[in-house]
Amino acid sequence: MTTEADGRRRGGRGGSFPAGRSRSCSPISRGSTRLVKALRERYPLVLAQHQGLIRAAVAAQDGYEVDTQGDAFFVAFASAKKAVLCALAIQRALAGHA
């Protein structure tokens, strides 16, 4: 995984946007505004853990992180299969981390 000048991390082997047609996946967490209020000063730590779990799943499927804001990610993959496998891995990782 490489880090761009703008701070975004690029997963995958080459760290570049998938050539040809790409598939995207935008995992978002429900209730994140409620969590910010409930966790207060602990939220940055929880957010960093959340981002780490998602970035690991994206990298495992050679995904490309296009953008992220808060707990939301926009990522692209070379195939729909890789996007779905990443989404499943994210769900499992978050469920196991709860």
C-alpha atoms as a PDB file:
ATOM      1  CA  MET A   1       0.000   0.000   0.000  1.00  0.00           C
ATOM      2  CA  THR A   2       1.318   3.455  -0.874  1.00  0.00           C
ATOM      3  CA  THR A   3       0.384   6.861   0.470  1.00  0.00           C
ATOM      4  CA  GLU A   4      -0.234   9.745  -1.945  1.00  0.00           C
ATOM      5  CA  ALA A   5       0.781  13.349  -1.324  1.00  0.00           C
ATOM      6  CA  ASP A   6      -2.838  14.142  -0.386  1.00  0.00           C
ATOM      7  CA  GLY A   7      -2.745  11.500   2.358  1.00  0.00           C
ATOM      8  CA  ARG A   8      -4.920   8.935   0.578  1.00  0.00           C
ATOM      9  CA  ARG A   9      -3.686   5.366   0.587  1.00  0.00           C
ATOM     10  CA  ARG A  10      -3.668   3.197  -2.469  1.00  0.00           C
ATOM     11  CA  GLY A  11      -4.094  -0.528  -2.026  1.00  0.00           C
ATOM     12  CA  GLY A  12      -3.159  -3.300  -4.374  1.00  0.00           C
ATOM     13  CA  ARG A  13       0.078  -4.441  -5.841  1.00  0.00           C
ATOM     14  CA  GLY A  14       0.752  -1.545  -8.179  1.00  0.00           C
ATOM     15  CA  GLY A  15      -1.151   1.055  -6.225  1.00  0.00           C
ATOM     16  CA  SER A  16      -2.743   2.417  -9.390  1.00  0.00           C
ATOM     17  CA  PHE A  17      -6.314   2.889 -10.520  1.00  0.00           C
ATOM     18  CA  PRO A  18      -7.675  -0.263 -12.253  1.00  0.00           C
ATOM     19  CA  ALA A  19      -7.336  -0.137 -16.045  1.00  0.00           C
ATOM     20  CA  GLY A  20     -10.392  -0.480 -18.264  1.00  0.00           C
ATOM     21  CA  ARG A  21     -13.770  -0.787 -16.624  1.00  0.00           C
ATOM     22  CA  SER A  22     -13.653  -0.628 -12.872  1.00  0.00           C
ATOM     23  CA  ARG A  23     -16.171  -1.505 -10.189  1.00  0.00           C
ATOM     24  CA  SER A  24     -16.675   0.697  -7.197  1.00  0.00           C
ATOM     25  CA  CYS A  25     -17.736   0.096  -3.642  1.00  0.00           C
ATOM     26  CA  SER A  26     -18.677   2.779  -1.119  1.00  0.00           C
ATOM     27  CA  PRO A  27     -18.900   1.277   2.356  1.00  0.00           C
ATOM     28  CA  ILE A  28     -20.630   3.587   4.812  1.00  0.00           C
ATOM     29  CA  SER A  29     -21.564   3.029   8.418  1.00  0.00           C
ATOM     30  CA  ARG A  30     -25.077   3.615   9.621  1.00  0.00           C
ATOM     31  CA  GLY A  31     -25.426   5.761  12.706  1.00  0.00           C
ATOM     32  CA  SER A  32     -21.973   7.308  12.571  1.00  0.00           C
ATOM     33  CA  THR A  33     -23.262  10.740  13.644  1.00  0.00           C
ATOM     34  CA  ARG A  34     -24.745   9.109  16.739  1.00  0.00           C
ATOM     35  CA  LEU A  35     -21.394   7.437  17.420  1.00  0.00           C
ATOM     36  CA  VAL A  36     -19.527  10.747  17.211  1.00  0.00           C
ATOM     37  CA  LYS A  37     -21.811  12.170  19.880  1.00  0.00           C
ATOM     38  CA  ALA A  38     -21.711   9.064  22.072  1.00  0.00           C
ATOM     39  CA  LEU A  39     -17.971   8.399  21.893  1.00  0.00           C
ATOM     40  CA  ARG A  40     -16.819  12.036  22.063  1.00  0.00           C
ATOM     41  CA  GLU A  41     -13.046  12.057  22.629  1.00  0.00           C
ATOM     42  CA  ARG A  42     -12.747   8.307  21.897  1.00  0.00           C
ATOM     43  CA  TYR A  43     -14.169   8.713  18.379  1.00  0.00           C
ATOM     44  CA  PRO A  44     -10.803   9.423  16.665  1.00  0.00           C
ATOM     45  CA  LEU A  45      -9.401   6.117  17.964  1.00  0.00           C
ATOM     46  CA  VAL A  46     -12.493   4.160  16.893  1.00  0.00           C
ATOM     47  CA  LEU A  47     -12.431   5.886  13.494  1.00  0.00           C
ATOM     48  CA  ALA A  48      -8.752   4.985  13.003  1.00  0.00           C
ATOM     49  CA  GLN A  49      -9.510   1.336  13.818  1.00  0.00           C
ATOM     50  CA  HIS A  50     -12.473   1.383  11.410  1.00  0.00           C
ATOM     51  CA  GLN A  51     -10.343   2.864   8.640  1.00  0.00           C
ATOM     52  CA  GLY A  52      -7.608   0.301   9.260  1.00  0.00           C
ATOM     53  CA  LEU A  53     -10.042  -2.605   8.920  1.00  0.00           C
ATOM     54  CA  ILE A  54     -11.455  -1.228   5.677  1.00  0.00           C
ATOM     55  CA  ARG A  55      -8.044  -0.409   4.199  1.00  0.00           C
ATOM     56  CA  ALA A  56      -6.824  -3.947   4.957  1.00  0.00           C
ATOM     57  CA  ALA A  57      -9.833  -5.456   3.163  1.00  0.00           C
ATOM     58  CA  VAL A  58      -9.372  -3.117   0.180  1.00  0.00           C
ATOM     59  CA  ALA A  59      -5.665  -3.939  -0.095  1.00  0.00           C
ATOM     60  CA  ALA A  60      -6.348  -7.682   0.143  1.00  0.00           C
ATOM     61  CA  GLN A  61      -8.475  -7.417  -3.016  1.00  0.00           C
ATOM     62  CA  ASP A  62      -6.038  -5.099  -4.831  1.00  0.00           C
ATOM     63  CA  GLY A  63      -8.492  -2.220  -4.509  1.00  0.00           C
ATOM     64  CA  TYR A  64      -7.803   1.453  -5.094  1.00  0.00           C
ATOM     65  CA  GLU A  65      -8.855   4.031  -2.531  1.00  0.00           C
ATOM     66  CA  VAL A  66     -10.287   6.936  -4.502  1.00  0.00           C
ATOM     67  CA  ASP A  67     -11.399   9.060  -1.548  1.00  0.00           C
ATOM     68  CA  THR A  68     -12.409   8.930   2.088  1.00  0.00           C
ATOM     69  CA  GLN A  69     -14.269  11.306   4.363  1.00  0.00           C
ATOM     70  CA  GLY A  70     -14.785  10.350   7.974  1.00  0.00           C
ATOM     71  CA  ASP A  71     -15.961   6.742   8.007  1.00  0.00           C
ATOM     72  CA  ALA A  72     -16.998   6.729   4.333  1.00  0.00           C
ATOM     73  CA  PHE A  73     -14.760   5.279   1.616  1.00  0.00           C
ATOM     74  CA  PHE A  74     -14.930   5.344  -2.172  1.00  0.00           C
ATOM     75  CA  VAL A  75     -12.858   2.504  -3.591  1.00  0.00           C
ATOM     76  CA  ALA A  76     -12.487   0.906  -7.029  1.00  0.00           C
ATOM     77  CA  PHE A  77     -11.652  -2.624  -8.134  1.00  0.00           C
ATOM     78  CA  ALA A  78     -10.676  -4.310 -11.385  1.00  0.00           C
ATOM     79  CA  SER A  79     -13.617  -6.721 -11.132  1.00  0.00           C
ATOM     80  CA  ALA A  80     -17.040  -6.973  -9.545  1.00  0.00           C
ATOM     81  CA  LYS A  81     -15.907 -10.172  -7.818  1.00  0.00           C
ATOM     82  CA  LYS A  82     -13.090  -8.335  -6.029  1.00  0.00           C
ATOM     83  CA  ALA A  83     -15.519  -5.569  -4.970  1.00  0.00           C
ATOM     84  CA  VAL A  84     -17.969  -8.101  -3.529  1.00  0.00           C
ATOM     85  CA  LEU A  85     -15.221 -10.052  -1.772  1.00  0.00           C
ATOM     86  CA  CYS A  86     -13.980  -6.819  -0.254  1.00  0.00           C
ATOM     87  CA  ALA A  87     -17.476  -5.872   0.923  1.00  0.00           C
ATOM     88  CA  LEU A  88     -17.864  -9.284   2.574  1.00  0.00           C
ATOM     89  CA  ALA A  89     -14.461  -8.986   4.227  1.00  0.00           C
ATOM     90  CA  ILE A  90     -15.389  -5.532   5.552  1.00  0.00           C
ATOM     91  CA  GLN A  91     -18.661  -6.826   7.005  1.00  0.00           C
ATOM     92  CA  ARG A  92     -16.883  -9.732   8.672  1.00  0.00           C
ATOM     93  CA  ALA A  93     -14.075  -7.562  10.019  1.00  0.00           C
ATOM     94  CA  LEU A  94     -16.464  -4.993  11.474  1.00  0.00           C
ATOM     95  CA  ALA A  95     -18.720  -7.665  12.965  1.00  0.00           C
ATOM     96  CA  GLY A  96     -15.725  -9.393  14.534  1.00  0.00           C
ATOM     97  CA  HIS A  97     -14.404  -6.129  15.908  1.00  0.00           C
ATOM     98  CA  ALA A  98     -17.634  -5.045  17.596  1.00  0.00           C
END
